[in-house]
């Protein structure tokens, strides 16, 4: 009965926000690479047509697994992730709903597995129930529950959890044969976890904690051999295929990313995972206070011997996940960009919170669990808003691009597709996503040209500078309206190229099309051709009040710069912001007007 109640509550808590993801967030960014690779392997388009040979060759070159050079930026081998997409794609096609539901099933299964594990180790169904419910609704899960590609975290932790439950089953097995079969199954599950995401390697220390608790120091060593040996063999095989032990020069865990600022950011995002633009600050502080109080309850509860092993698992998972997350991609605390890397340490925290809650009187426990679930749901609902907005804009942009191609039968160029907006990912992989749009468009669609996102500004500013010299664009060009994703005709600024000094020309300058948020920054991009370094800054004015960006230097080897003008929190979203590019050389300034924009409230 406790298991059925837990399953029901986990599903209920998760569905409060999951349904919005299932039907309100489509394929975004890396989703297209993953689904596209499955289409490539099947060789059949969603409408049943054979994959065109040209697109097949292009995709094949992107997804080939060959030994990589030592300086390769990304070196990943995750075949079990690819296998799941391959199995799903014939059923789900290019509709995101099925993939979202699969992610939800794995997420809920993880929560239930930890209910089983915590209850078994502690003897407390209440501690297991709180662990499962809190993890299912954790407010920092906005990225993993709304971005399909984040299943690397969801799937790896699900298999890690399966490995731990199987490992514990083996340790308490009544027969030697049952133990070794269980150890073999747990080792296989651990390989799937690590073959889905490399950080799942800390299944080993977690399994070690279980073995020590169940068997003691001397007998735990043989019990760890199957998992250790199989994982070592897997890592050797991976290194043989890729030609490297790491994950690339850019991607993967890097020690240099660990610093005081990043450590503090991660502490904050674990205690209060709240989007600063969407979640009221008092609520974020309340969340941090509640979590601090729950952690304080854990230590008195450790007087009970039965709670020490699950608490040890929670602490180890929290510590390893914390260190692993800091060394991966940069976390943007304000927008929760890359918060998916907190999935593992958040699970460790939920184990500890469950133990702390279970130490309370039952009535207080129930009230506390319900209150936390309500607060979590409210915060998560606000944290996910950027994902729903980016998805809606993405879908409208793609629909209008396809409509243009079908009606005009001419190439088009689209600039400023939603890249990363408010922490949510949109159009990130220009070539891959445009190919995906081509192969998923209705038969007979003559889709030519290209789409560049806001994160691809460097290439775009060079492209516009070349067009400015010719005083015309090579094809019909549009920008994407940040508010609704509609296509807006783009025209060149006739003042460029502008010679500002002898030997210095601003080849092109422009405002980013995405309206800045009040309290955020306004990106300004410029390309300078110069025989000596020049200093650039951007100014934004509302009436007599002027704010300035930090100064950036443009040189002959680094001609393109992006400036960030801070928008004060007391500026109104109804005010017109006039922007000017200021170029300084040898103490002399030249000013170039770039137009105007309006900030928006979020």
Protein backbone atom coordinates (compact mmCIF):
# COMPACT_ATOMS: atom_id res chain seq x y z
CA UNK A 1 0.00 0.00 0.00
CA UNK A 2 2.74 2.62 0.80
CA UNK A 3 4.27 1.95 -2.63
CA UNK A 4 0.96 2.53 -4.44
CA UNK A 5 0.33 5.73 -2.45
CA UNK A 6 3.83 6.95 -3.31
CA UNK A 7 3.40 6.22 -7.01
CA UNK A 8 0.07 8.06 -7.05
CA UNK A 9 1.46 11.11 -5.25
CA UNK A 10 4.63 11.24 -7.36
CA UNK A 11 2.59 11.15 -10.58
CA UNK A 12 0.12 13.72 -9.26
CA UNK A 13 2.86 16.15 -8.21
CA UNK A 14 4.74 15.73 -11.47
CA UNK A 15 1.68 16.13 -13.68
CA UNK A 16 0.96 19.58 -12.27
CA UNK A 17 3.66 20.99 -14.55
CA UNK A 18 4.47 18.05 -16.84
CA UNK A 19 1.26 18.29 -18.88
CA UNK A 20 2.19 21.83 -19.87
CA UNK A 21 5.53 20.52 -21.13
CA UNK A 22 3.99 17.59 -22.99
CA UNK A 23 1.67 19.75 -25.05
CA UNK A 24 3.24 23.21 -24.80
CA UNK A 25 6.95 22.69 -25.52
CA UNK A 26 8.10 21.30 -28.85
CA UNK A 27 11.47 20.10 -30.09
CA UNK A 28 14.15 22.67 -29.25
CA UNK A 29 17.88 23.05 -29.89
CA UNK A 30 19.71 19.69 -29.38
CA UNK A 31 16.41 17.79 -29.59
CA UNK A 32 16.68 18.06 -33.37
CA UNK A 33 20.12 16.46 -33.40
CA UNK A 34 18.94 13.55 -31.28
CA UNK A 35 15.70 12.92 -33.16
CA UNK A 36 17.48 13.67 -36.44
CA UNK A 37 20.12 11.03 -35.73
CA UNK A 38 17.33 8.48 -35.16
CA UNK A 39 15.73 9.46 -38.49
CA UNK A 40 19.14 9.05 -40.12
CA UNK A 41 19.56 5.56 -38.74
CA UNK A 42 16.08 4.53 -39.90
CA UNK A 43 16.62 6.22 -43.29
CA UNK A 44 12.95 7.24 -43.52
CA UNK A 45 11.40 10.69 -43.16
CA UNK A 46 8.42 11.21 -40.81
CA UNK A 47 5.99 11.16 -43.77
CA UNK A 48 7.36 7.84 -45.06
CA UNK A 49 9.62 9.23 -47.80
CA UNK A 50 13.16 7.89 -48.12
CA UNK A 51 15.79 10.20 -46.64
CA UNK A 52 17.36 12.22 -49.50
CA UNK A 53 20.93 11.16 -50.21
CA UNK A 54 22.35 14.67 -49.74
CA UNK A 55 20.76 15.10 -46.30
CA UNK A 56 21.75 11.54 -45.40
CA UNK A 57 25.41 12.31 -46.14
CA UNK A 58 25.29 15.56 -44.20
CA UNK A 59 23.74 14.01 -41.11
CA UNK A 60 26.00 10.96 -41.34
CA UNK A 61 29.09 13.17 -41.22
CA UNK A 62 27.71 14.90 -38.10
CA UNK A 63 26.95 11.71 -36.18
CA UNK A 64 29.84 9.49 -37.20
CA UNK A 65 31.73 7.95 -34.27
CA UNK A 66 35.45 7.95 -35.14
CA UNK A 67 38.61 8.51 -33.12
CA UNK A 68 38.78 12.24 -32.43
CA UNK A 69 41.78 14.57 -32.47
CA UNK A 70 43.24 15.47 -29.09
CA UNK A 71 41.92 19.03 -29.39
CA UNK A 72 38.34 18.05 -30.28
CA UNK A 73 35.95 20.45 -28.50
CA UNK A 74 33.38 17.71 -27.76
CA UNK A 75 34.07 13.99 -27.28
CA UNK A 76 30.93 12.09 -26.27
CA UNK A 77 29.86 8.47 -26.67
CA UNK A 78 26.34 7.89 -25.34
CA UNK A 79 24.96 4.94 -27.31
CA UNK A 80 22.17 4.05 -24.90
CA UNK A 81 20.74 7.55 -25.24
CA UNK A 82 20.84 7.19 -29.03
CA UNK A 83 19.30 3.73 -28.76
CA UNK A 84 16.28 5.04 -26.87
CA UNK A 85 15.67 7.77 -29.47
CA UNK A 86 16.03 5.14 -32.22
CA UNK A 87 13.40 2.97 -30.54
CA UNK A 88 11.02 5.89 -29.96
CA UNK A 89 11.26 7.71 -33.28
CA UNK A 90 9.10 5.37 -35.42
CA UNK A 91 6.28 5.82 -32.87
CA UNK A 92 6.67 9.48 -31.96
CA UNK A 93 7.99 10.89 -35.24
CA UNK A 94 8.79 14.58 -34.81
CA UNK A 95 6.03 15.24 -32.28
CA UNK A 96 7.64 16.23 -28.99
CA UNK A 97 4.81 14.88 -26.81
CA UNK A 98 5.90 11.24 -26.83
CA UNK A 99 9.50 12.08 -25.97
CA UNK A 100 8.32 14.30 -23.10
CA UNK A 101 6.16 11.50 -21.72
CA UNK A 102 9.08 9.08 -21.89
CA UNK A 103 11.18 11.55 -19.90
CA UNK A 104 8.37 11.92 -17.37
CA UNK A 105 8.15 8.15 -16.90
CA UNK A 106 11.88 7.92 -16.18
CA UNK A 107 11.72 10.90 -13.82
CA UNK A 108 8.83 9.41 -11.83
CA UNK A 109 10.48 5.98 -11.81
CA UNK A 110 13.59 7.51 -10.26
CA UNK A 111 11.51 9.10 -7.51
CA UNK A 112 9.77 5.78 -6.77
CA UNK A 113 13.05 3.84 -6.76
CA UNK A 114 14.42 6.17 -4.10
CA UNK A 115 11.26 5.67 -2.07
CA UNK A 116 12.02 1.94 -2.18
CA UNK A 117 15.68 2.44 -1.31
CA UNK A 118 15.17 4.94 1.52
CA UNK A 119 12.30 2.97 3.07
CA UNK A 120 14.29 -0.26 2.93
CA UNK A 121 17.41 1.25 4.47
CA UNK A 122 15.69 3.39 7.10
CA UNK A 123 12.62 1.32 7.86
CA UNK A 124 10.59 4.53 7.46
CA UNK A 125 8.00 4.73 4.68
CA UNK A 126 7.49 8.37 5.69
CA UNK A 127 11.11 9.26 4.88
CA UNK A 128 10.86 7.43 1.55
CA UNK A 129 7.56 9.12 0.68
CA UNK A 130 8.91 12.61 1.39
CA UNK A 131 12.06 11.90 -0.64
CA UNK A 132 10.05 10.77 -3.66
CA UNK A 133 7.45 13.54 -3.57
CA UNK A 134 9.97 16.34 -3.06
CA UNK A 135 12.21 15.08 -5.86
CA UNK A 136 9.29 14.66 -8.26
CA UNK A 137 8.27 18.30 -7.83
CA UNK A 138 11.68 19.91 -7.19
CA UNK A 139 11.46 23.54 -8.43
CA UNK A 140 14.86 23.39 -10.13
CA UNK A 141 13.63 20.75 -12.59
CA UNK A 142 12.38 23.32 -15.12
CA UNK A 143 15.10 22.43 -17.63
CA UNK A 144 15.05 18.64 -17.29
CA UNK A 145 11.25 18.45 -17.48
CA UNK A 146 10.84 20.88 -20.40
CA UNK A 147 13.85 20.18 -22.62
CA UNK A 148 13.87 16.71 -24.15
CA UNK A 149 17.65 16.70 -24.69
CA UNK A 150 18.10 17.00 -20.92
CA UNK A 151 17.11 13.34 -20.71
CA UNK A 152 20.85 12.67 -20.47
CA UNK A 153 20.43 13.61 -16.81
CA UNK A 154 17.02 11.99 -16.35
CA UNK A 155 17.92 8.70 -18.03
CA UNK A 156 21.36 8.33 -16.45
CA UNK A 157 20.02 8.95 -12.92
CA UNK A 158 17.14 6.56 -13.56
CA UNK A 159 19.56 3.78 -14.49
CA UNK A 160 21.89 4.75 -11.64
CA UNK A 161 18.92 4.33 -9.29
CA UNK A 162 18.03 0.97 -10.83
CA UNK A 163 21.65 -0.11 -10.36
CA UNK A 164 21.59 0.85 -6.68
CA UNK A 165 18.30 -0.94 -5.97
CA UNK A 166 19.56 -4.07 -7.79
CA UNK A 167 22.86 -3.81 -5.92
CA UNK A 168 21.05 -3.61 -2.58
CA UNK A 169 18.86 -6.57 -3.55
CA UNK A 170 22.00 -8.57 -4.25
CA UNK A 171 23.61 -7.61 -0.95
CA UNK A 172 20.65 -8.92 1.05
CA UNK A 173 20.03 -11.98 -1.17
CA UNK A 174 19.54 -15.22 0.73
CA UNK A 175 21.66 -17.37 -1.62
CA UNK A 176 25.10 -16.95 -3.15
CA UNK A 177 23.67 -17.51 -6.63
CA UNK A 178 21.04 -14.82 -6.10
CA UNK A 179 23.71 -12.42 -4.86
CA UNK A 180 25.96 -12.85 -7.89
CA UNK A 181 23.08 -12.61 -10.34
CA UNK A 182 21.99 -9.42 -8.59
CA UNK A 183 25.51 -7.99 -8.66
CA UNK A 184 25.75 -8.74 -12.39
CA UNK A 185 22.43 -7.02 -13.11
CA UNK A 186 23.41 -3.97 -11.06
CA UNK A 187 26.72 -3.78 -12.93
CA UNK A 188 24.90 -3.84 -16.28
CA UNK A 189 22.54 -1.08 -15.13
CA UNK A 190 25.55 0.96 -13.99
CA UNK A 191 27.10 0.64 -17.47
CA UNK A 192 23.88 1.90 -19.07
CA UNK A 193 23.91 4.86 -16.66
CA UNK A 194 27.52 5.78 -17.47
CA UNK A 195 26.90 5.13 -21.18
CA UNK A 196 24.12 7.70 -21.01
CA UNK A 197 26.01 10.40 -19.09
CA UNK A 198 29.57 10.22 -17.85
CA UNK A 199 28.92 11.74 -14.43
CA UNK A 200 26.90 8.65 -13.51
CA UNK A 201 30.27 7.11 -12.65
CA UNK A 202 29.55 8.06 -9.08
CA UNK A 203 27.27 5.05 -8.96
CA UNK A 204 30.44 3.33 -7.73
CA UNK A 205 30.89 5.26 -4.46
CA UNK A 206 27.14 5.09 -3.85
CA UNK A 207 27.19 1.33 -4.31
CA UNK A 208 30.23 1.26 -2.03
CA UNK A 209 28.23 2.98 0.72
CA UNK A 210 25.53 0.31 0.41
CA UNK A 211 28.07 -2.52 0.48
CA UNK A 212 29.79 -1.14 3.57
CA UNK A 213 26.49 -0.73 5.37
CA UNK A 214 25.21 -4.19 4.47
CA UNK A 215 28.38 -6.33 4.64
CA UNK A 216 31.06 -4.40 6.49
CA UNK A 217 34.56 -3.44 5.24
CA UNK A 218 35.99 -6.92 4.59
CA UNK A 219 33.05 -8.47 2.73
CA UNK A 220 32.16 -5.35 0.76
CA UNK A 221 35.24 -5.51 -1.47
CA UNK A 222 34.25 -8.70 -3.38
CA UNK A 223 30.71 -7.36 -3.76
CA UNK A 224 32.06 -4.31 -5.61
CA UNK A 225 34.17 -6.26 -8.08
CA UNK A 226 31.53 -6.96 -10.80
CA UNK A 227 30.42 -3.32 -11.09
CA UNK A 228 33.97 -1.98 -10.90
CA UNK A 229 35.26 -4.43 -13.53
CA UNK A 230 32.40 -3.87 -15.97
CA UNK A 231 32.60 -0.09 -15.67
CA UNK A 232 36.38 -0.19 -16.20
CA UNK A 233 35.86 -2.29 -19.33
CA UNK A 234 33.23 0.15 -20.58
CA UNK A 235 35.52 3.16 -20.05
CA UNK A 236 38.34 1.38 -21.88
CA UNK A 237 35.99 0.67 -24.80
CA UNK A 238 34.83 4.30 -24.85
CA UNK A 239 38.43 5.58 -24.85
CA UNK A 240 39.28 3.17 -27.68
CA UNK A 241 36.39 4.41 -29.84
CA UNK A 242 36.90 8.13 -29.21
CA UNK A 243 40.68 8.15 -28.86
CA UNK A 244 40.41 10.10 -25.61
CA UNK A 245 39.47 9.56 -21.97
CA UNK A 246 37.91 13.00 -21.63
CA UNK A 247 34.81 14.67 -23.04
CA UNK A 248 36.56 17.30 -25.17
CA UNK A 249 38.51 20.52 -24.71
CA UNK A 250 35.35 22.61 -24.22
CA UNK A 251 32.68 20.17 -23.08
CA UNK A 252 32.92 18.08 -19.95
CA UNK A 253 34.21 18.66 -16.45
CA UNK A 254 36.99 21.26 -16.13
CA UNK A 255 38.75 22.09 -12.86
CA UNK A 256 39.33 25.71 -13.87
CA UNK A 257 35.57 26.35 -13.71
CA UNK A 258 35.60 25.83 -9.95
CA UNK A 259 35.96 29.13 -8.12
CA UNK A 260 34.45 30.97 -5.20
CA UNK A 261 31.79 32.66 -7.34
CA UNK A 262 30.68 29.43 -9.03
CA UNK A 263 30.61 27.57 -5.70
CA UNK A 264 28.40 30.26 -4.16
CA UNK A 265 26.12 30.26 -7.22
CA UNK A 266 25.64 26.51 -6.88
CA UNK A 267 24.89 26.79 -3.19
CA UNK A 268 22.22 29.35 -3.98
CA UNK A 269 20.64 27.36 -6.79
CA UNK A 270 20.39 24.28 -4.60
CA UNK A 271 18.89 26.14 -1.67
CA UNK A 272 16.58 28.35 -3.75
CA UNK A 273 16.25 27.36 -7.44
CA UNK A 274 14.15 30.35 -8.49
CA UNK A 275 14.22 32.35 -11.73
CA UNK A 276 14.90 35.93 -10.69
CA UNK A 277 12.74 37.48 -13.39
CA UNK A 278 9.68 35.31 -12.74
CA UNK A 279 9.71 34.21 -9.10
CA UNK A 280 9.08 36.90 -6.44
CA UNK A 281 12.19 37.41 -4.36
CA UNK A 282 10.41 36.95 -1.01
CA UNK A 283 9.31 33.51 -2.18
CA UNK A 284 12.88 32.60 -3.13
CA UNK A 285 14.05 33.63 0.34
CA UNK A 286 11.23 31.58 1.89
CA UNK A 287 12.35 28.57 -0.13
CA UNK A 288 15.93 28.98 1.05
CA UNK A 289 14.77 29.30 4.68
CA UNK A 290 12.62 26.16 4.42
CA UNK A 291 15.49 24.18 2.94
CA UNK A 292 17.88 25.44 5.58
CA UNK A 293 15.45 24.37 8.29
CA UNK A 294 15.07 20.91 6.76
CA UNK A 295 18.84 20.43 6.64
CA UNK A 296 19.03 21.44 10.30
CA UNK A 297 16.56 18.65 11.11
CA UNK A 298 18.76 16.00 9.51
CA UNK A 299 21.57 16.04 12.07
CA UNK A 300 19.45 15.31 15.18
CA UNK A 301 17.73 12.56 13.19
CA UNK A 302 21.09 10.82 12.68
CA UNK A 303 20.96 9.65 16.30
CA UNK A 304 18.81 6.89 14.86
CA UNK A 305 21.18 4.27 13.44
CA UNK A 306 18.69 3.19 10.77
CA UNK A 307 18.75 6.66 9.18
CA UNK A 308 22.53 6.87 8.82
CA UNK A 309 22.89 4.79 5.66
CA UNK A 310 20.26 6.65 3.59
CA UNK A 311 21.67 9.92 4.95
CA UNK A 312 25.15 8.82 3.84
CA UNK A 313 23.79 8.14 0.35
CA UNK A 314 22.19 11.59 0.34
CA UNK A 315 25.35 13.36 1.47
CA UNK A 316 27.56 11.49 -1.02
CA UNK A 317 25.17 12.17 -3.90
CA UNK A 318 24.89 15.83 -2.90
CA UNK A 319 28.66 16.29 -2.60
CA UNK A 320 29.59 14.48 -5.82
CA UNK A 321 26.77 16.10 -7.79
CA UNK A 322 27.75 19.51 -6.45
CA UNK A 323 31.40 19.16 -7.52
CA UNK A 324 30.43 17.61 -10.87
CA UNK A 325 27.95 20.40 -11.62
CA UNK A 326 30.36 23.24 -10.84
CA UNK A 327 32.96 21.83 -13.22
CA UNK A 328 30.54 21.53 -16.14
CA UNK A 329 28.95 24.38 -18.09
CA UNK A 330 28.48 27.81 -16.54
CA UNK A 331 25.35 28.18 -14.44
CA UNK A 332 23.41 31.42 -14.87
CA UNK A 333 21.94 31.94 -11.43
CA UNK A 334 19.52 34.66 -12.56
CA UNK A 335 17.86 32.69 -15.38
CA UNK A 336 18.64 29.09 -14.29
CA UNK A 337 20.36 28.39 -17.61
CA UNK A 338 22.08 24.97 -17.30
CA UNK A 339 20.25 24.18 -14.05
CA UNK A 340 19.81 20.63 -15.36
CA UNK A 341 23.23 19.84 -13.89
CA UNK A 342 21.70 20.18 -10.42
CA UNK A 343 19.51 17.10 -11.02
CA UNK A 344 21.83 14.72 -9.15
CA UNK A 345 22.67 16.92 -6.13
CA UNK A 346 18.99 17.89 -5.86
CA UNK A 347 18.19 14.18 -5.48
CA UNK A 348 20.74 13.98 -2.66
CA UNK A 349 19.14 16.97 -0.99
CA UNK A 350 15.68 15.44 -1.27
CA UNK A 351 16.92 12.29 0.46
CA UNK A 352 18.18 14.43 3.35
CA UNK A 353 15.00 16.51 3.42
CA UNK A 354 12.93 13.33 3.54
CA UNK A 355 14.91 12.13 6.55
CA UNK A 356 14.52 15.50 8.26
CA UNK A 357 10.77 15.65 7.65
CA UNK A 358 10.25 12.08 8.88
CA UNK A 359 11.71 13.04 12.25
CA UNK A 360 8.80 15.44 12.85
CA UNK A 361 5.47 14.50 14.48
CA UNK A 362 3.12 12.99 11.89
CA UNK A 363 0.71 15.92 11.75
CA UNK A 364 3.57 18.40 11.35
CA UNK A 365 5.17 16.07 8.78
CA UNK A 366 2.02 15.94 6.65
CA UNK A 367 1.43 19.69 6.84
CA UNK A 368 5.08 20.35 5.99
CA UNK A 369 5.11 17.98 3.03
CA UNK A 370 1.92 19.46 1.59
CA UNK A 371 3.21 23.01 2.10
CA UNK A 372 6.51 22.20 0.41
CA UNK A 373 4.75 20.51 -2.51
CA UNK A 374 2.56 23.58 -3.04
CA UNK A 375 5.51 25.99 -2.88
CA UNK A 376 7.55 23.77 -5.21
CA UNK A 377 4.71 23.66 -7.72
CA UNK A 378 4.30 27.44 -7.69
CA UNK A 379 8.02 28.10 -8.14
CA UNK A 380 8.47 25.44 -10.83
CA UNK A 381 5.49 26.82 -12.74
CA UNK A 382 7.18 30.23 -12.81
CA UNK A 383 10.64 28.81 -13.58
CA UNK A 384 9.35 27.08 -16.71
CA UNK A 385 7.75 30.14 -18.31
CA UNK A 386 10.74 30.97 -20.53
CA UNK A 387 10.60 27.46 -22.00
CA UNK A 388 6.97 27.78 -23.00
CA UNK A 389 7.57 31.23 -24.48
CA UNK A 390 10.65 30.17 -26.47
CA UNK A 391 8.82 27.11 -27.77
CA UNK A 392 5.83 29.16 -28.91
CA UNK A 393 8.10 31.65 -30.70
CA UNK A 394 10.10 28.82 -32.24
CA UNK A 395 7.01 27.10 -33.60
CA UNK A 396 5.63 30.30 -35.13
CA UNK A 397 8.97 31.16 -36.72
CA UNK A 398 9.29 27.71 -38.30
CA UNK A 399 5.69 27.82 -39.55
CA UNK A 400 6.23 31.19 -41.24
CA UNK A 401 9.56 30.07 -42.75
CA UNK A 402 7.89 27.01 -44.29
CA UNK A 403 4.94 29.10 -45.50
CA UNK A 404 7.33 31.55 -47.19
CA UNK A 405 9.18 28.70 -48.89
CA UNK A 406 5.95 27.14 -50.15
CA UNK A 407 4.40 30.35 -51.45
CA UNK A 408 7.42 32.35 -52.66
CA UNK A 409 9.66 29.47 -53.77
CA UNK A 410 12.69 31.63 -53.14
CA UNK A 411 15.59 31.41 -50.70
CA UNK A 412 15.33 33.38 -47.47
CA UNK A 413 17.66 34.39 -44.68
CA UNK A 414 16.40 34.63 -41.11
CA UNK A 415 18.35 36.43 -38.39
CA UNK A 416 17.88 36.53 -34.62
CA UNK A 417 16.06 33.24 -34.22
CA UNK A 418 15.47 32.62 -30.49
CA UNK A 419 18.78 31.20 -29.24
CA UNK A 420 18.98 31.42 -25.47
CA UNK A 421 16.19 33.53 -24.02
CA UNK A 422 15.72 33.98 -20.30
CA UNK A 423 17.67 30.76 -19.73
CA UNK A 424 15.65 28.63 -22.18
CA UNK A 425 17.22 27.14 -25.31
CA UNK A 426 15.69 27.62 -28.74
CA UNK A 427 17.55 27.62 -32.06
CA UNK A 428 21.18 26.78 -31.17
CA UNK A 429 22.55 24.55 -33.93
CA UNK A 430 21.90 26.50 -37.12
CA UNK A 431 23.01 24.00 -39.77
CA UNK A 432 21.53 20.94 -38.06
CA UNK A 433 18.23 22.57 -37.19
CA UNK A 434 17.78 24.03 -40.69
CA UNK A 435 18.43 20.58 -42.17
CA UNK A 436 15.86 19.16 -39.76
CA UNK A 437 13.35 21.81 -40.85
CA UNK A 438 14.01 20.91 -44.48
CA UNK A 439 13.47 17.19 -43.97
CA UNK A 440 10.38 17.66 -41.79
CA UNK A 441 8.69 20.19 -44.09
CA UNK A 442 5.74 18.97 -46.21
CA UNK A 443 6.61 17.32 -49.49
CA UNK A 444 7.17 19.84 -52.27
CA UNK A 445 8.50 22.59 -49.97
CA UNK A 446 11.42 24.37 -51.65
CA UNK A 447 13.18 25.48 -48.47
CA UNK A 448 16.50 27.19 -49.18
CA UNK A 449 18.65 29.76 -47.42
CA UNK A 450 19.47 29.65 -43.73
CA UNK A 451 18.51 30.64 -40.19
CA UNK A 452 20.90 32.17 -37.67
CA UNK A 453 20.13 32.48 -33.98
CA UNK A 454 20.92 35.23 -31.52
CA UNK A 455 23.92 33.23 -30.27
CA UNK A 456 25.40 33.22 -33.79
CA UNK A 457 25.82 37.01 -33.82
CA UNK A 458 29.52 36.82 -34.69
CA UNK A 459 28.93 35.28 -38.11
CA UNK A 460 25.87 37.47 -38.72
CA UNK A 461 27.73 40.76 -38.13
CA UNK A 462 30.36 39.74 -40.72
CA UNK A 463 27.59 38.75 -43.14
CA UNK A 464 25.82 42.10 -42.72
CA UNK A 465 29.09 44.01 -43.13
CA UNK A 466 29.69 42.28 -46.47
CA UNK A 467 26.14 43.10 -47.57
CA UNK A 468 26.57 46.74 -46.46
CA UNK A 469 29.52 47.12 -48.84
CA UNK A 470 27.29 45.96 -51.70
CA UNK A 471 24.37 48.07 -50.37
CA UNK A 472 22.03 45.13 -50.74
CA UNK A 473 21.20 41.82 -49.13
CA UNK A 474 21.80 38.67 -51.19
CA UNK A 475 18.26 37.33 -50.54
CA UNK A 476 15.03 38.17 -48.75
CA UNK A 477 16.03 38.67 -45.13
CA UNK A 478 13.95 38.71 -41.97
CA UNK A 479 14.48 39.05 -38.25
CA UNK A 480 12.43 37.17 -35.66
CA UNK A 481 10.20 39.26 -33.43
CA UNK A 482 11.18 38.37 -29.87
CA UNK A 483 7.66 38.83 -28.57
CA UNK A 484 5.80 36.33 -30.73
CA UNK A 485 8.27 34.69 -33.13
CA UNK A 486 6.86 36.29 -36.27
CA UNK A 487 9.11 37.17 -39.21
CA UNK A 488 9.82 40.88 -39.69
CA UNK A 489 11.43 42.27 -42.88
CA UNK A 490 15.04 43.32 -42.31
CA UNK A 491 16.72 46.26 -44.03
CA UNK A 492 20.36 47.30 -43.94
CA UNK A 493 21.37 50.40 -42.00
CA UNK A 494 22.52 52.74 -44.83
CA UNK A 495 25.13 54.52 -42.67
CA UNK A 496 27.42 51.49 -42.80
CA UNK A 497 30.22 51.04 -43.60
CA UNK A 498 31.09 54.24 -41.71
CA UNK A 499 34.65 55.56 -41.66
CA UNK A 500 35.08 57.15 -38.23
CA UNK A 501 38.85 57.80 -38.32
CA UNK A 502 41.62 57.47 -40.83
CA UNK A 503 42.35 53.75 -40.83
CA UNK A 504 39.22 52.84 -38.83
CA UNK A 505 35.83 51.92 -40.27
CA UNK A 506 32.82 50.52 -38.50
CA UNK A 507 31.80 47.91 -41.06
CA UNK A 508 28.46 47.34 -39.34
CA UNK A 509 26.74 47.92 -36.02
CA UNK A 510 23.34 46.91 -34.71
CA UNK A 511 21.11 46.38 -31.73
CA UNK A 512 20.13 42.87 -30.79
CA UNK A 513 16.53 42.32 -31.84
CA UNK A 514 15.51 40.81 -28.50
CA UNK A 515 14.11 43.56 -26.27
CA UNK A 516 16.11 43.89 -23.07
CA UNK A 517 14.50 43.11 -19.74
CA UNK A 518 14.25 45.82 -17.12
CA UNK A 519 17.17 45.01 -14.86
CA UNK A 520 18.86 43.00 -17.64
CA UNK A 521 21.26 43.97 -20.42
CA UNK A 522 20.87 45.19 -24.01
CA UNK A 523 23.34 43.53 -26.44
CA UNK A 524 24.94 45.79 -29.08
CA UNK A 525 27.13 44.27 -31.79
CA UNK A 526 29.76 45.97 -33.94
CA UNK A 527 32.43 45.02 -36.46
CA UNK A 528 35.45 47.31 -36.90
CA UNK A 529 38.17 47.23 -39.53
CA UNK A 530 41.07 49.14 -38.10
CA UNK A 531 44.84 49.48 -38.39
CA UNK A 532 45.13 50.27 -34.68
CA UNK A 533 43.12 49.28 -31.61
CA UNK A 534 39.96 51.29 -30.96
CA UNK A 535 37.74 51.39 -27.87
CA UNK A 536 34.02 50.81 -28.26
CA UNK A 537 31.15 51.35 -25.88
CA UNK A 538 27.40 51.60 -26.23
CA UNK A 539 25.17 54.17 -24.56
CA UNK A 540 21.46 53.85 -23.86
CA UNK A 541 19.50 57.00 -23.09
CA UNK A 542 16.02 57.67 -21.76
CA UNK A 543 15.54 61.41 -21.72
CA UNK A 544 18.56 62.95 -20.01
CA UNK A 545 19.54 59.75 -18.25
CA UNK A 546 22.31 57.72 -19.87
CA UNK A 547 23.77 54.31 -19.01
CA UNK A 548 26.91 52.91 -20.62
CA UNK A 549 28.25 49.47 -21.40
CA UNK A 550 31.72 48.37 -20.31
CA UNK A 551 34.36 49.35 -22.87
CA UNK A 552 35.56 46.71 -25.33
CA UNK A 553 38.59 46.93 -27.58
CA UNK A 554 38.43 46.07 -31.27
CA UNK A 555 41.65 45.19 -33.08
CA UNK A 556 42.68 43.89 -36.48
CA UNK A 557 42.71 40.36 -35.06
CA UNK A 558 39.55 40.75 -32.98
CA UNK A 559 37.31 43.02 -35.04
CA UNK A 560 33.85 41.87 -33.80
CA UNK A 561 32.64 42.82 -30.33
CA UNK A 562 29.39 42.48 -28.44
CA UNK A 563 28.65 45.11 -25.81
CA UNK A 564 26.16 44.75 -22.97
CA UNK A 565 24.35 47.89 -21.80
CA UNK A 566 22.80 47.48 -18.31
CA UNK A 567 19.14 48.50 -18.17
CA UNK A 568 18.27 50.01 -14.76
CA UNK A 569 15.52 48.36 -12.77
CA UNK A 570 13.68 51.68 -12.38
CA UNK A 571 13.29 52.25 -16.13
CA UNK A 572 9.76 51.77 -17.37
CA UNK A 573 8.84 49.27 -20.07
CA UNK A 574 6.91 52.11 -21.76
CA UNK A 575 9.96 54.31 -22.30
CA UNK A 576 11.87 54.53 -25.58
CA UNK A 577 15.58 53.73 -25.23
CA UNK A 578 17.83 55.49 -27.73
CA UNK A 579 21.12 53.66 -28.35
CA UNK A 580 24.40 55.09 -29.63
CA UNK A 581 27.69 53.39 -30.50
CA UNK A 582 30.71 55.39 -29.34
CA UNK A 583 34.09 54.78 -31.00
CA UNK A 584 37.24 56.19 -29.37
CA UNK A 585 40.75 56.40 -30.81
CA UNK A 586 43.65 58.46 -29.50
CA UNK A 587 41.36 60.39 -27.17
CA UNK A 588 38.86 61.36 -29.90
CA UNK A 589 35.30 60.04 -30.01
CA UNK A 590 32.85 59.47 -32.84
CA UNK A 591 29.20 58.64 -32.23
CA UNK A 592 26.97 56.49 -34.45
CA UNK A 593 23.20 56.29 -33.78
CA UNK A 594 21.92 52.70 -33.80
CA UNK A 595 18.20 53.32 -33.33
CA UNK A 596 15.87 52.71 -30.44
CA UNK A 597 14.16 49.92 -28.54
CA UNK A 598 11.92 49.43 -25.52
CA UNK A 599 12.57 47.32 -22.46
CA UNK A 600 10.11 44.72 -21.26
CA UNK A 601 9.04 43.58 -17.82
CA UNK A 602 9.43 39.87 -16.98
